[in-house]
Amino acid sequence: MAGVPPVDFALDTYECVVIYPGAAGRVLPPETVQRLQAEHTDHMQALQRRGIILVAGSIDGTTSNPEPPIGFGLARTGSVEDVRSVLEADPAVQAGLYRLDVLTFLCPAGSLEFPLVKTQS
């Protein structure tokens, strides 16, 4: 994998989801935005129940960046494209309320735990 840092310890690999405001958010009626936000929350919770998304949440937007991210999540499927595919099915992404990027995130092996994710046996 390109971009893997040369370290002398094991790394865990995750898919990092970053959500940004989409262009449509500026023009959609408030009631549509509210409905899409609720559908987005339902979609993300369903992905978490399925074990695709390990953790997800909002970012408060306090930054000097003119278009800061508004959400962040981690998945662990082994495929950035698989995660992108299920997130592009999000009604809020499809409507243009949100746009997203999915990146590879590397960290020391065993350094993260996700207690809300149910272990499947």
N, C-alpha and C. Protein backbone atom coordinates (compact mmCIF):
# COMPACT_ATOMS: atom_id res chain seq x y z
N MET A 1 0.84 -1.17 0.00
CA MET A 1 0.00 0.00 0.00
C MET A 1 0.89 1.24 0.00
N ALA A 2 0.66 2.15 -0.93
CA ALA A 2 1.42 3.40 -0.97
C ALA A 2 1.06 4.25 0.23
N GLY A 3 2.04 4.97 0.71
CA GLY A 3 1.77 5.88 1.82
C GLY A 3 1.87 5.25 3.19
N VAL A 4 2.25 4.00 3.29
CA VAL A 4 2.39 3.36 4.60
C VAL A 4 3.71 3.85 5.20
N PRO A 5 3.63 4.44 6.40
CA PRO A 5 4.86 4.96 6.99
C PRO A 5 5.82 3.83 7.39
N PRO A 6 7.11 4.08 7.27
CA PRO A 6 8.09 3.06 7.65
C PRO A 6 8.25 3.04 9.18
N VAL A 7 7.48 2.21 9.84
CA VAL A 7 7.54 2.11 11.30
C VAL A 7 7.91 0.70 11.70
N ASP A 8 8.41 0.54 12.92
CA ASP A 8 8.81 -0.79 13.38
C ASP A 8 7.77 -1.42 14.30
N PHE A 9 6.50 -1.12 14.05
CA PHE A 9 5.41 -1.71 14.79
C PHE A 9 4.24 -1.95 13.84
N ALA A 10 3.34 -2.80 14.27
CA ALA A 10 2.18 -3.15 13.44
C ALA A 10 1.20 -1.98 13.36
N LEU A 11 0.53 -1.90 12.22
CA LEU A 11 -0.47 -0.87 12.01
C LEU A 11 -1.84 -1.49 11.75
N ASP A 12 -2.86 -0.85 12.26
CA ASP A 12 -4.24 -1.18 11.89
C ASP A 12 -4.65 -0.21 10.79
N THR A 13 -5.45 -0.70 9.86
CA THR A 13 -5.93 0.11 8.74
C THR A 13 -7.44 0.25 8.83
N TYR A 14 -7.90 1.47 8.70
CA TYR A 14 -9.32 1.79 8.72
C TYR A 14 -9.64 2.65 7.50
N GLU A 15 -10.91 2.73 7.17
CA GLU A 15 -11.37 3.69 6.18
C GLU A 15 -11.91 4.89 6.95
N CYS A 16 -11.38 6.05 6.66
CA CYS A 16 -11.75 7.29 7.34
C CYS A 16 -12.74 8.05 6.46
N VAL A 17 -13.91 8.32 6.99
CA VAL A 17 -14.96 9.02 6.26
C VAL A 17 -14.99 10.47 6.74
N VAL A 18 -14.91 11.39 5.80
CA VAL A 18 -15.01 12.81 6.13
C VAL A 18 -16.18 13.37 5.33
N ILE A 19 -17.11 13.99 6.05
CA ILE A 19 -18.32 14.53 5.41
C ILE A 19 -18.26 16.06 5.44
N TYR A 20 -18.58 16.65 4.29
CA TYR A 20 -18.58 18.10 4.12
C TYR A 20 -19.97 18.57 3.72
N PRO A 21 -20.26 19.85 3.91
CA PRO A 21 -21.53 20.37 3.40
C PRO A 21 -21.54 20.26 1.88
N GLY A 22 -22.67 19.90 1.33
CA GLY A 22 -22.82 19.84 -0.12
C GLY A 22 -23.43 21.13 -0.64
N ALA A 23 -23.31 21.35 -1.93
CA ALA A 23 -23.81 22.58 -2.55
C ALA A 23 -25.31 22.74 -2.39
N ALA A 24 -26.05 21.64 -2.40
CA ALA A 24 -27.51 21.73 -2.32
C ALA A 24 -28.00 22.24 -0.98
N GLY A 25 -27.17 22.11 0.06
CA GLY A 25 -27.59 22.56 1.39
C GLY A 25 -27.90 24.05 1.45
N ARG A 26 -27.31 24.81 0.54
CA ARG A 26 -27.54 26.26 0.53
C ARG A 26 -28.88 26.62 -0.11
N VAL A 27 -29.47 25.70 -0.85
CA VAL A 27 -30.69 26.04 -1.58
C VAL A 27 -31.91 25.20 -1.18
N LEU A 28 -31.71 24.14 -0.44
CA LEU A 28 -32.83 23.29 -0.05
C LEU A 28 -33.67 23.96 1.02
N PRO A 29 -34.98 23.77 0.98
CA PRO A 29 -35.84 24.32 2.04
C PRO A 29 -35.48 23.69 3.40
N PRO A 30 -35.62 24.45 4.47
CA PRO A 30 -35.26 23.95 5.81
C PRO A 30 -35.93 22.62 6.17
N GLU A 31 -37.18 22.44 5.78
CA GLU A 31 -37.86 21.18 6.12
C GLU A 31 -37.25 19.99 5.36
N THR A 32 -36.75 20.23 4.15
CA THR A 32 -36.07 19.18 3.40
C THR A 32 -34.73 18.85 4.05
N VAL A 33 -34.01 19.88 4.47
CA VAL A 33 -32.74 19.67 5.15
C VAL A 33 -32.95 18.85 6.41
N GLN A 34 -33.97 19.19 7.18
CA GLN A 34 -34.25 18.46 8.42
C GLN A 34 -34.58 17.00 8.13
N ARG A 35 -35.39 16.76 7.11
CA ARG A 35 -35.75 15.38 6.74
C ARG A 35 -34.51 14.61 6.30
N LEU A 36 -33.69 15.24 5.46
CA LEU A 36 -32.47 14.56 4.97
C LEU A 36 -31.49 14.29 6.10
N GLN A 37 -31.38 15.21 7.05
CA GLN A 37 -30.49 14.97 8.19
C GLN A 37 -30.97 13.77 9.01
N ALA A 38 -32.28 13.64 9.18
CA ALA A 38 -32.82 12.49 9.90
C ALA A 38 -32.57 11.19 9.13
N GLU A 39 -32.73 11.24 7.81
CA GLU A 39 -32.47 10.06 6.99
C GLU A 39 -30.99 9.70 7.01
N HIS A 40 -30.13 10.72 7.02
CA HIS A 40 -28.69 10.49 7.12
C HIS A 40 -28.35 9.78 8.43
N THR A 41 -28.91 10.26 9.53
CA THR A 41 -28.67 9.65 10.84
C THR A 41 -29.13 8.19 10.83
N ASP A 42 -30.30 7.94 10.29
CA ASP A 42 -30.81 6.56 10.20
C ASP A 42 -29.88 5.68 9.36
N HIS A 43 -29.40 6.22 8.25
CA HIS A 43 -28.51 5.46 7.36
C HIS A 43 -27.21 5.11 8.08
N MET A 44 -26.62 6.10 8.76
CA MET A 44 -25.36 5.86 9.46
C MET A 44 -25.55 4.86 10.61
N GLN A 45 -26.65 4.96 11.33
CA GLN A 45 -26.92 4.01 12.42
C GLN A 45 -27.11 2.60 11.88
N ALA A 46 -27.76 2.48 10.73
CA ALA A 46 -27.94 1.16 10.11
C ALA A 46 -26.60 0.58 9.69
N LEU A 47 -25.71 1.42 9.16
CA LEU A 47 -24.38 0.94 8.78
C LEU A 47 -23.58 0.52 10.02
N GLN A 48 -23.78 1.22 11.11
CA GLN A 48 -23.09 0.84 12.35
C GLN A 48 -23.64 -0.49 12.87
N ARG A 49 -24.95 -0.66 12.83
CA ARG A 49 -25.54 -1.93 13.28
C ARG A 49 -25.03 -3.10 12.43
N ARG A 50 -24.79 -2.84 11.16
CA ARG A 50 -24.27 -3.88 10.25
C ARG A 50 -22.78 -4.11 10.42
N GLY A 51 -22.12 -3.27 11.23
CA GLY A 51 -20.70 -3.41 11.46
C GLY A 51 -19.82 -2.79 10.40
N ILE A 52 -20.40 -2.00 9.51
CA ILE A 52 -19.62 -1.34 8.46
C ILE A 52 -18.96 -0.09 9.02
N ILE A 53 -19.75 0.75 9.66
CA ILE A 53 -19.22 1.96 10.31
C ILE A 53 -18.97 1.61 11.77
N LEU A 54 -17.76 1.87 12.24
CA LEU A 54 -17.41 1.57 13.62
C LEU A 54 -17.80 2.71 14.55
N VAL A 55 -17.61 3.93 14.10
CA VAL A 55 -17.94 5.11 14.89
C VAL A 55 -18.15 6.26 13.91
N ALA A 56 -19.09 7.14 14.23
CA ALA A 56 -19.35 8.31 13.39
C ALA A 56 -19.94 9.41 14.26
N GLY A 57 -19.69 10.63 13.87
CA GLY A 57 -20.24 11.75 14.61
C GLY A 57 -20.03 13.05 13.89
N SER A 58 -20.53 14.11 14.50
CA SER A 58 -20.44 15.45 13.93
C SER A 58 -19.17 16.15 14.39
N ILE A 59 -18.76 17.12 13.59
CA ILE A 59 -17.66 18.02 13.93
C ILE A 59 -18.27 19.39 14.11
N ASP A 60 -17.84 20.13 15.13
CA ASP A 60 -18.50 21.39 15.44
C ASP A 60 -18.22 22.52 14.46
N GLY A 61 -17.26 22.37 13.58
CA GLY A 61 -17.02 23.37 12.55
C GLY A 61 -16.23 24.58 13.00
N THR A 62 -15.71 24.57 14.21
CA THR A 62 -14.92 25.69 14.70
C THR A 62 -13.54 25.64 14.07
N THR A 63 -13.36 26.40 13.00
CA THR A 63 -12.09 26.43 12.28
C THR A 63 -12.06 27.66 11.39
N SER A 64 -10.89 28.00 10.92
CA SER A 64 -10.79 29.12 9.98
C SER A 64 -10.99 28.65 8.54
N ASN A 65 -11.08 27.34 8.33
CA ASN A 65 -11.32 26.77 7.01
C ASN A 65 -12.70 27.21 6.52
N PRO A 66 -12.82 27.80 5.33
CA PRO A 66 -14.13 28.27 4.86
C PRO A 66 -15.14 27.16 4.61
N GLU A 67 -14.69 25.95 4.33
CA GLU A 67 -15.60 24.82 4.14
C GLU A 67 -15.12 23.66 4.99
N PRO A 68 -15.30 23.76 6.32
CA PRO A 68 -14.80 22.71 7.20
C PRO A 68 -15.63 21.44 7.09
N PRO A 69 -15.02 20.32 7.42
CA PRO A 69 -15.83 19.09 7.48
C PRO A 69 -16.86 19.21 8.59
N ILE A 70 -17.96 18.49 8.42
CA ILE A 70 -19.03 18.53 9.43
C ILE A 70 -19.24 17.17 10.07
N GLY A 71 -18.58 16.15 9.55
CA GLY A 71 -18.74 14.82 10.13
C GLY A 71 -17.52 13.97 9.86
N PHE A 72 -17.36 12.93 10.70
CA PHE A 72 -16.20 12.05 10.63
C PHE A 72 -16.64 10.66 11.06
N GLY A 73 -16.06 9.66 10.45
CA GLY A 73 -16.34 8.30 10.87
C GLY A 73 -15.21 7.38 10.49
N LEU A 74 -15.22 6.21 11.10
CA LEU A 74 -14.24 5.17 10.77
C LEU A 74 -14.97 3.88 10.45
N ALA A 75 -14.48 3.20 9.44
CA ALA A 75 -14.99 1.88 9.06
C ALA A 75 -13.79 0.95 8.98
N ARG A 76 -14.08 -0.34 8.92
CA ARG A 76 -12.98 -1.30 8.76
C ARG A 76 -13.47 -2.45 7.91
N THR A 77 -13.52 -2.21 6.62
CA THR A 77 -13.95 -3.24 5.68
C THR A 77 -12.80 -3.74 4.84
N GLY A 78 -11.71 -2.96 4.78
CA GLY A 78 -10.59 -3.30 3.93
C GLY A 78 -10.70 -2.69 2.55
N SER A 79 -11.76 -1.90 2.31
CA SER A 79 -11.94 -1.33 0.97
C SER A 79 -12.52 0.08 1.06
N VAL A 80 -11.71 1.05 0.63
CA VAL A 80 -12.19 2.43 0.56
C VAL A 80 -13.38 2.50 -0.40
N GLU A 81 -13.30 1.79 -1.51
CA GLU A 81 -14.39 1.85 -2.51
C GLU A 81 -15.69 1.24 -1.97
N ASP A 82 -15.61 0.16 -1.20
CA ASP A 82 -16.82 -0.42 -0.61
C ASP A 82 -17.49 0.56 0.34
N VAL A 83 -16.69 1.22 1.16
CA VAL A 83 -17.24 2.19 2.11
C VAL A 83 -17.84 3.36 1.35
N ARG A 84 -17.12 3.85 0.34
CA ARG A 84 -17.65 4.96 -0.47
C ARG A 84 -18.99 4.57 -1.09
N SER A 85 -19.09 3.35 -1.57
CA SER A 85 -20.32 2.89 -2.22
C SER A 85 -21.51 2.91 -1.27
N VAL A 86 -21.34 2.39 -0.05
CA VAL A 86 -22.49 2.36 0.87
C VAL A 86 -22.82 3.76 1.37
N LEU A 87 -21.82 4.63 1.46
CA LEU A 87 -22.10 5.99 1.91
C LEU A 87 -22.72 6.84 0.81
N GLU A 88 -22.42 6.55 -0.43
CA GLU A 88 -23.05 7.27 -1.52
C GLU A 88 -24.53 6.92 -1.65
N ALA A 89 -24.97 5.85 -0.99
CA ALA A 89 -26.39 5.50 -0.95
C ALA A 89 -27.14 6.31 0.11
N ASP A 90 -26.44 7.08 0.91
CA ASP A 90 -27.04 7.93 1.93
C ASP A 90 -27.95 8.95 1.24
N PRO A 91 -29.22 9.06 1.65
CA PRO A 91 -30.14 10.01 1.01
C PRO A 91 -29.63 11.46 1.03
N ALA A 92 -28.94 11.86 2.08
CA ALA A 92 -28.44 13.23 2.17
C ALA A 92 -27.28 13.46 1.20
N VAL A 93 -26.49 12.44 0.93
CA VAL A 93 -25.41 12.54 -0.05
C VAL A 93 -26.01 12.57 -1.45
N GLN A 94 -26.98 11.70 -1.70
CA GLN A 94 -27.62 11.66 -3.01
C GLN A 94 -28.31 12.98 -3.34
N ALA A 95 -28.88 13.64 -2.34
CA ALA A 95 -29.58 14.91 -2.55
C ALA A 95 -28.63 16.09 -2.62
N GLY A 96 -27.34 15.88 -2.34
CA GLY A 96 -26.38 16.96 -2.40
C GLY A 96 -26.28 17.79 -1.13
N LEU A 97 -26.95 17.36 -0.06
CA LEU A 97 -26.83 18.07 1.22
C LEU A 97 -25.42 17.90 1.77
N TYR A 98 -24.87 16.70 1.59
CA TYR A 98 -23.51 16.40 2.03
C TYR A 98 -22.70 15.87 0.87
N ARG A 99 -21.40 16.05 0.95
CA ARG A 99 -20.46 15.39 0.05
C ARG A 99 -19.43 14.71 0.95
N LEU A 100 -18.75 13.72 0.44
CA LEU A 100 -17.86 12.97 1.32
C LEU A 100 -16.57 12.59 0.64
N ASP A 101 -15.64 12.23 1.48
CA ASP A 101 -14.37 11.67 1.03
C ASP A 101 -14.10 10.47 1.92
N VAL A 102 -13.50 9.45 1.36
CA VAL A 102 -13.12 8.26 2.12
C VAL A 102 -11.63 8.04 1.89
N LEU A 103 -10.88 8.01 2.99
CA LEU A 103 -9.43 7.90 2.95
C LEU A 103 -8.98 6.70 3.78
N THR A 104 -7.75 6.31 3.61
CA THR A 104 -7.19 5.25 4.45
C THR A 104 -6.56 5.90 5.68
N PHE A 105 -6.87 5.35 6.85
CA PHE A 105 -6.33 5.84 8.12
C PHE A 105 -5.51 4.72 8.74
N LEU A 106 -4.28 5.02 9.13
CA LEU A 106 -3.39 4.05 9.75
C LEU A 106 -3.06 4.50 11.16
N CYS A 107 -3.04 3.55 12.10
CA CYS A 107 -2.66 3.88 13.47
C CYS A 107 -2.02 2.64 14.10
N PRO A 108 -1.32 2.82 15.22
CA PRO A 108 -0.70 1.66 15.86
C PRO A 108 -1.73 0.56 16.14
N ALA A 109 -1.39 -0.66 15.83
CA ALA A 109 -2.30 -1.79 16.01
C ALA A 109 -2.78 -1.86 17.45
N GLY A 110 -4.08 -2.06 17.60
CA GLY A 110 -4.69 -2.21 18.91
C GLY A 110 -4.94 -0.92 19.66
N SER A 111 -4.68 0.23 19.04
CA SER A 111 -4.82 1.49 19.77
C SER A 111 -6.25 2.02 19.81
N LEU A 112 -7.14 1.47 19.01
CA LEU A 112 -8.53 1.92 19.01
C LEU A 112 -9.46 0.79 19.40
N GLU A 113 -10.49 1.13 20.16
CA GLU A 113 -11.55 0.18 20.51
C GLU A 113 -12.88 0.83 20.21
N PHE A 114 -13.87 0.02 19.89
CA PHE A 114 -15.20 0.51 19.55
C PHE A 114 -16.24 -0.25 20.35
N PRO A 115 -16.49 0.17 21.58
CA PRO A 115 -17.36 -0.61 22.47
C PRO A 115 -18.82 -0.68 22.01
N LEU A 116 -19.26 0.23 21.16
CA LEU A 116 -20.65 0.18 20.70
C LEU A 116 -20.86 -0.81 19.56
N VAL A 117 -19.78 -1.27 18.97
CA VAL A 117 -19.88 -2.23 17.87
C VAL A 117 -20.03 -3.62 18.46
N LYS A 118 -21.08 -4.29 18.06
CA LYS A 118 -21.33 -5.64 18.58
C LYS A 118 -20.44 -6.63 17.84
N THR A 119 -19.79 -7.47 18.60
CA THR A 119 -18.95 -8.50 18.02
C THR A 119 -19.82 -9.60 17.44
N GLN A 120 -19.55 -9.95 16.20
CA GLN A 120 -20.28 -11.03 15.57
C GLN A 120 -19.48 -12.31 15.73
N SER A 121 -20.13 -13.38 16.22
CA SER A 121 -19.42 -14.65 16.36
C SER A 121 -19.94 -15.68 15.41
